[in-house]
Amino acid sequence: MDVIQAIIVGIVQGLTEFLPISSSAHLVFVQHLLNVDHSISFDVLLHLGTLAAVFGYYIKDIIAMIKAFFLSLKDLFKGEFKKGIKEDSYKKLVWMVLIGTIPVGCIGVVFNDFVEATFQSLMIPGFFLLITGILLYASQRMNNGDITVENMGIKQTIYIGIGQALAIFPGLSRSGTTISTGLLAGLDKEFAAKFSFLLSIPAILGATVVQLTGIESGFGSNMLPYVAGFIAAAISGYLAISLLIRLIKEKSLDGFAYYCWIVGAFVLVYLIFF
């Protein structure tokens, strides 16, 4: 993979990781179009790039959540855990994120081999892109909720966590699925997007750790494509988060639903008739 190809793949990873159009599906498509194979090492750096984008955008919230996590552990030993959760929204938020991560961890471990097999065909991501579009379109019309972290419960958290877990399949957008399930669970639109992005942190970290265990040959002698891909993923990821937050506050996500339908239908028609 040369530098230009690495930048293209990095941009696709950064944009599609956070825009609700499925990064896994688009990476499969781009890989076929460019006729390149990803090394595990390169995938790790792409994930770290998107992780850097989340940290860059939500750095104040993340620092507050880290502090709140250790303070809540202190509350636990003092017998004031529930009180601390009720009084400090960041203490509650950090535990909601951790609880919401449980489903994807369980499904990822149990069905890892099956999920890996689904990446071998374009038919599966094409079909699931249609499902992503349906989720995005329907959830906006069925949402009239105003739930934020203050009145969010375990039920909504698990619901969103299951949505994220299902999104390990190519074509089901992680952000699209978690935002949609959040809206269906009654979350405020802006908070649904924020919770989705924060929920991505442990998921991306977990995926990165799993990939690190599969690295056998390291990064090789030519690091330039790796660095270029990382930077491209980080910058495009940050821009994608900014764009989605603005769209969900001011307009709607219908454009992404239409996009998923068009791309998914095109892929299926191409595979069936050509």
Protein backbone atom coordinates (compact mmCIF):
# COMPACT_ATOMS: atom_id res chain seq x y z
CA MET A 1 0.00 0.00 0.00
CA ASP A 2 1.42 3.36 -1.02
CA VAL A 3 0.93 6.73 0.72
CA ILE A 4 -1.95 7.88 -1.52
CA GLN A 5 -3.85 4.63 -0.97
CA ALA A 6 -3.19 4.87 2.78
CA ILE A 7 -4.57 8.42 2.89
CA ILE A 8 -7.69 7.39 0.94
CA VAL A 9 -8.34 4.45 3.26
CA GLY A 10 -7.64 6.64 6.31
CA ILE A 11 -10.12 9.30 5.16
CA VAL A 12 -12.76 6.64 4.49
CA GLN A 13 -12.16 5.12 7.93
CA GLY A 14 -12.38 8.46 9.74
CA LEU A 15 -15.49 9.68 7.94
CA THR A 16 -17.44 6.44 7.99
CA GLU A 17 -16.54 5.48 11.57
CA PHE A 18 -18.60 8.40 12.85
CA LEU A 19 -20.97 9.28 10.02
CA PRO A 20 -23.86 6.78 10.10
CA ILE A 21 -22.96 4.99 6.87
CA SER A 22 -20.89 2.02 8.14
CA SER A 23 -17.10 2.10 8.18
CA SER A 24 -16.82 -1.68 7.81
CA ALA A 25 -18.89 -1.74 4.62
CA HIS A 26 -17.02 1.16 3.03
CA LEU A 27 -13.63 -0.28 3.94
CA VAL A 28 -14.63 -3.54 2.24
CA PHE A 29 -15.74 -1.58 -0.84
CA VAL A 30 -12.60 0.59 -0.96
CA GLN A 31 -10.38 -2.43 -0.46
CA HIS A 32 -11.95 -4.05 -3.51
CA LEU A 33 -11.79 -0.85 -5.61
CA LEU A 34 -8.14 -0.09 -4.79
CA ASN A 35 -7.20 -3.77 -4.87
CA VAL A 36 -5.30 -3.48 -1.61
CA ASP A 37 -5.20 -5.62 1.50
CA HIS A 38 -5.04 -4.13 4.98
CA SER A 39 -2.38 -5.37 7.31
CA ILE A 40 -3.44 -5.76 10.91
CA SER A 41 -0.81 -3.17 11.83
CA PHE A 42 -2.40 -0.61 9.52
CA ASP A 43 -5.88 -1.38 10.87
CA VAL A 44 -4.60 -0.76 14.39
CA LEU A 45 -3.29 2.68 13.44
CA LEU A 46 -6.58 3.53 11.69
CA HIS A 47 -8.47 2.68 14.87
CA LEU A 48 -6.06 4.75 16.92
CA GLY A 49 -6.62 7.63 14.49
CA THR A 50 -10.39 7.53 14.97
CA LEU A 51 -9.85 7.22 18.72
CA ALA A 52 -7.70 10.36 18.61
CA ALA A 53 -10.59 12.13 16.86
CA VAL A 54 -13.01 11.31 19.69
CA PHE A 55 -10.50 12.37 22.33
CA GLY A 56 -9.83 15.58 20.48
CA TYR A 57 -13.50 16.50 20.22
CA TYR A 58 -14.61 15.41 23.71
CA ILE A 59 -11.39 15.92 25.66
CA LYS A 60 -13.03 17.95 28.46
CA ASP A 61 -15.80 15.39 28.92
CA ILE A 62 -13.34 12.49 28.83
CA ILE A 63 -11.04 14.05 31.45
CA ALA A 64 -14.08 14.72 33.66
CA MET A 65 -15.26 11.12 33.18
CA ILE A 66 -11.86 9.68 34.11
CA LYS A 67 -11.83 11.75 37.30
CA ALA A 68 -15.44 10.78 38.01
CA PHE A 69 -14.62 7.08 37.57
CA PHE A 70 -11.97 7.10 40.30
CA LEU A 71 -14.14 9.27 42.55
CA SER A 72 -17.01 6.81 42.17
CA LEU A 73 -14.70 3.96 43.15
CA LYS A 74 -13.88 5.96 46.25
CA ASP A 75 -17.63 6.39 46.83
CA LEU A 76 -18.03 2.62 46.54
CA PHE A 77 -15.66 1.98 49.45
CA LYS A 78 -17.38 4.70 51.48
CA GLY A 79 -20.81 3.17 50.81
CA GLU A 80 -21.93 6.27 48.87
CA PHE A 81 -21.87 4.91 45.33
CA LYS A 82 -25.58 5.45 44.56
CA LYS A 83 -25.50 8.89 46.11
CA GLY A 84 -22.50 9.87 44.00
CA ILE A 85 -24.17 8.64 40.80
CA LYS A 86 -27.27 10.70 41.53
CA GLU A 87 -25.37 13.87 42.38
CA ASP A 88 -22.65 13.82 39.68
CA SER A 89 -23.71 13.40 36.04
CA TYR A 90 -20.18 12.47 34.95
CA LYS A 91 -20.05 9.63 37.47
CA LYS A 92 -23.28 8.32 36.02
CA LEU A 93 -22.15 8.86 32.43
CA VAL A 94 -18.92 6.92 32.80
CA TRP A 95 -20.75 3.91 34.27
CA MET A 96 -23.44 4.07 31.59
CA VAL A 97 -20.69 3.93 28.95
CA LEU A 98 -19.05 0.94 30.65
CA ILE A 99 -22.37 -0.90 31.01
CA GLY A 100 -23.26 -0.12 27.40
CA THR A 101 -20.01 -1.73 26.27
CA ILE A 102 -20.80 -5.14 27.79
CA PRO A 103 -22.98 -6.44 24.90
CA VAL A 104 -20.40 -5.73 22.18
CA GLY A 105 -17.70 -7.41 24.26
CA CYS A 106 -19.82 -10.54 24.71
CA ILE A 107 -20.90 -10.80 21.07
CA GLY A 108 -17.41 -9.98 19.82
CA VAL A 109 -15.90 -12.85 21.81
CA VAL A 110 -18.58 -15.44 21.08
CA PHE A 111 -19.18 -14.71 17.39
CA ASN A 112 -15.76 -13.40 16.32
CA ASP A 113 -15.09 -16.10 13.71
CA PHE A 114 -18.59 -15.82 12.26
CA VAL A 115 -18.31 -12.03 12.00
CA GLU A 116 -14.91 -12.32 10.29
CA ALA A 117 -16.47 -14.58 7.68
CA THR A 118 -19.12 -11.96 6.81
CA PHE A 119 -16.39 -9.58 5.60
CA GLN A 120 -15.54 -11.90 2.71
CA SER A 121 -18.63 -10.99 0.69
CA LEU A 122 -19.95 -7.65 -0.59
CA MET A 123 -23.51 -8.98 -0.45
CA ILE A 124 -23.75 -8.83 3.34
CA PRO A 125 -22.58 -5.21 3.82
CA GLY A 126 -24.79 -4.17 0.89
CA PHE A 127 -27.85 -5.71 2.56
CA PHE A 128 -27.08 -4.31 5.99
CA LEU A 129 -26.60 -0.82 4.56
CA LEU A 130 -30.28 -0.96 3.60
CA ILE A 131 -31.10 -1.87 7.22
CA THR A 132 -28.98 1.03 8.50
CA GLY A 133 -30.94 3.40 6.27
CA ILE A 134 -34.24 2.08 7.62
CA LEU A 135 -33.07 2.52 11.22
CA LEU A 136 -31.95 6.10 10.62
CA TYR A 137 -35.13 7.08 8.79
CA ALA A 138 -37.56 5.42 11.20
CA SER A 139 -35.89 6.41 14.47
CA GLN A 140 -36.07 10.13 13.74
CA ARG A 141 -39.79 9.89 13.13
CA MET A 142 -40.47 7.78 16.20
CA ASN A 143 -38.42 9.93 18.58
CA ASN A 144 -39.96 12.62 20.75
CA GLY A 145 -37.84 11.96 23.82
CA ASP A 146 -35.83 14.30 25.98
CA ILE A 147 -33.81 11.81 28.04
CA THR A 148 -30.29 12.95 28.93
CA VAL A 149 -27.73 11.48 31.32
CA GLU A 150 -29.61 12.82 34.36
CA ASN A 151 -32.70 10.67 33.73
CA MET A 152 -31.16 7.87 31.65
CA GLY A 153 -31.58 4.36 33.04
CA ILE A 154 -29.99 0.93 32.71
CA LYS A 155 -32.72 -0.12 30.27
CA GLN A 156 -31.84 2.56 27.73
CA THR A 157 -28.13 1.88 28.18
CA ILE A 158 -28.42 -1.86 27.51
CA TYR A 159 -30.69 -1.16 24.55
CA ILE A 160 -28.09 1.10 22.95
CA GLY A 161 -25.32 -1.34 23.88
CA ILE A 162 -27.11 -4.13 22.01
CA GLY A 163 -27.37 -1.81 19.02
CA GLN A 164 -23.61 -1.28 19.11
CA ALA A 165 -23.02 -5.02 19.46
CA LEU A 166 -25.05 -5.80 16.34
CA ALA A 167 -23.03 -3.19 14.44
CA ILE A 168 -19.97 -5.45 14.45
CA PHE A 169 -21.46 -6.87 11.25
CA PRO A 170 -20.34 -5.05 8.08
CA GLY A 171 -22.95 -2.65 6.75
CA LEU A 172 -24.60 -1.95 10.09
CA SER A 173 -23.18 1.45 11.01
CA ARG A 174 -21.97 1.62 14.61
CA SER A 175 -22.83 5.30 15.01
CA GLY A 176 -26.01 4.93 12.99
CA THR A 177 -27.21 1.95 14.99
CA THR A 178 -26.37 3.40 18.40
CA ILE A 179 -27.87 6.81 17.59
CA SER A 180 -30.99 5.17 16.16
CA THR A 181 -31.47 2.87 19.15
CA GLY A 182 -30.86 5.86 21.42
CA LEU A 183 -33.56 7.85 19.66
CA LEU A 184 -35.94 4.88 19.80
CA ALA A 185 -35.19 4.60 23.53
CA GLY A 186 -36.26 8.22 24.01
CA LEU A 187 -32.91 10.00 24.22
CA ASP A 188 -32.57 13.66 23.31
CA LYS A 189 -31.12 13.89 19.79
CA GLU A 190 -27.93 15.71 20.73
CA PHE A 191 -27.31 13.49 23.74
CA ALA A 192 -27.94 10.35 21.63
CA ALA A 193 -25.11 11.42 19.32
CA LYS A 194 -22.79 12.34 22.19
CA PHE A 195 -23.43 9.07 24.00
CA SER A 196 -22.81 7.16 20.75
CA PHE A 197 -19.39 8.76 20.29
CA LEU A 198 -18.36 8.29 23.92
CA LEU A 199 -19.56 4.68 23.74
CA SER A 200 -17.21 4.16 20.80
CA ILE A 201 -14.12 4.71 22.97
CA PRO A 202 -14.05 1.37 24.84
CA ALA A 203 -15.31 -0.41 21.71
CA ILE A 204 -12.46 0.96 19.57
CA LEU A 205 -9.95 0.30 22.35
CA GLY A 206 -11.18 -3.28 22.64
CA ALA A 207 -10.97 -3.84 18.88
CA THR A 208 -7.46 -2.40 18.88
CA VAL A 209 -6.30 -4.71 21.67
CA VAL A 210 -7.74 -7.73 19.85
CA GLN A 211 -5.96 -6.71 16.65
CA LEU A 212 -2.68 -6.15 18.48
CA THR A 213 -2.70 -9.82 19.51
CA GLY A 214 -2.73 -10.75 15.83
CA ILE A 215 0.27 -8.68 14.77
CA GLU A 216 3.13 -10.95 13.78
CA SER A 217 5.42 -8.92 11.53
CA GLY A 218 5.21 -5.41 13.01
CA PHE A 219 4.96 -2.26 10.93
CA GLY A 220 7.75 -2.90 8.47
CA SER A 221 10.50 -0.55 7.35
CA ASN A 222 8.34 2.01 5.48
CA MET A 223 6.31 3.82 8.13
CA LEU A 224 5.13 6.69 5.90
CA PRO A 225 1.89 5.04 4.68
CA TYR A 226 1.05 4.08 8.28
CA VAL A 227 1.59 7.62 9.57
CA ALA A 228 -0.34 9.10 6.64
CA GLY A 229 -3.28 6.75 7.26
CA PHE A 230 -3.32 7.57 10.98
CA ILE A 231 -3.32 11.34 10.38
CA ALA A 232 -5.98 11.07 7.66
CA ALA A 233 -8.24 8.98 9.91
CA ALA A 234 -7.81 11.37 12.86
CA ILE A 235 -8.54 14.55 10.89
CA SER A 236 -11.44 13.14 8.87
CA GLY A 237 -12.88 11.54 12.03
CA TYR A 238 -12.84 14.85 13.90
CA LEU A 239 -14.57 16.59 10.98
CA ALA A 240 -17.15 13.79 10.78
CA ILE A 241 -18.03 14.16 14.47
CA SER A 242 -18.39 17.93 14.10
CA LEU A 243 -20.59 17.55 11.03
CA LEU A 244 -22.88 14.94 12.55
CA ILE A 245 -23.38 16.90 15.76
CA ARG A 246 -24.34 19.97 13.75
CA LEU A 247 -26.70 18.03 11.48
CA ILE A 248 -28.52 16.25 14.28
CA LYS A 249 -29.00 19.56 16.14
CA GLU A 250 -30.09 21.70 13.21
CA LYS A 251 -31.47 19.37 10.54
CA SER A 252 -31.89 15.61 10.23
CA LEU A 253 -30.08 12.44 9.28
CA ASP A 254 -32.34 11.63 6.34
CA GLY A 255 -29.54 12.33 3.86
CA PHE A 256 -27.50 9.51 5.38
CA ALA A 257 -30.49 7.16 5.21
CA TYR A 258 -30.90 7.91 1.49
CA TYR A 259 -27.18 7.43 0.96
CA CYS A 260 -27.23 4.01 2.67
CA TRP A 261 -30.18 2.92 0.56
CA ILE A 262 -28.57 4.07 -2.70
CA VAL A 263 -25.16 2.48 -2.02
CA GLY A 264 -26.66 -0.71 -0.59
CA ALA A 265 -29.06 -1.10 -3.53
CA PHE A 266 -26.29 -0.37 -6.05
CA VAL A 267 -24.03 -3.02 -4.54
CA LEU A 268 -26.78 -5.64 -4.47
CA VAL A 269 -27.92 -4.91 -8.02
CA TYR A 270 -24.32 -5.01 -9.25
CA LEU A 271 -23.63 -8.34 -7.56
CA ILE A 272 -26.85 -9.92 -8.74
CA PHE A 273 -26.86 -8.76 -12.37
CA PHE A 274 -23.21 -8.16 -13.17
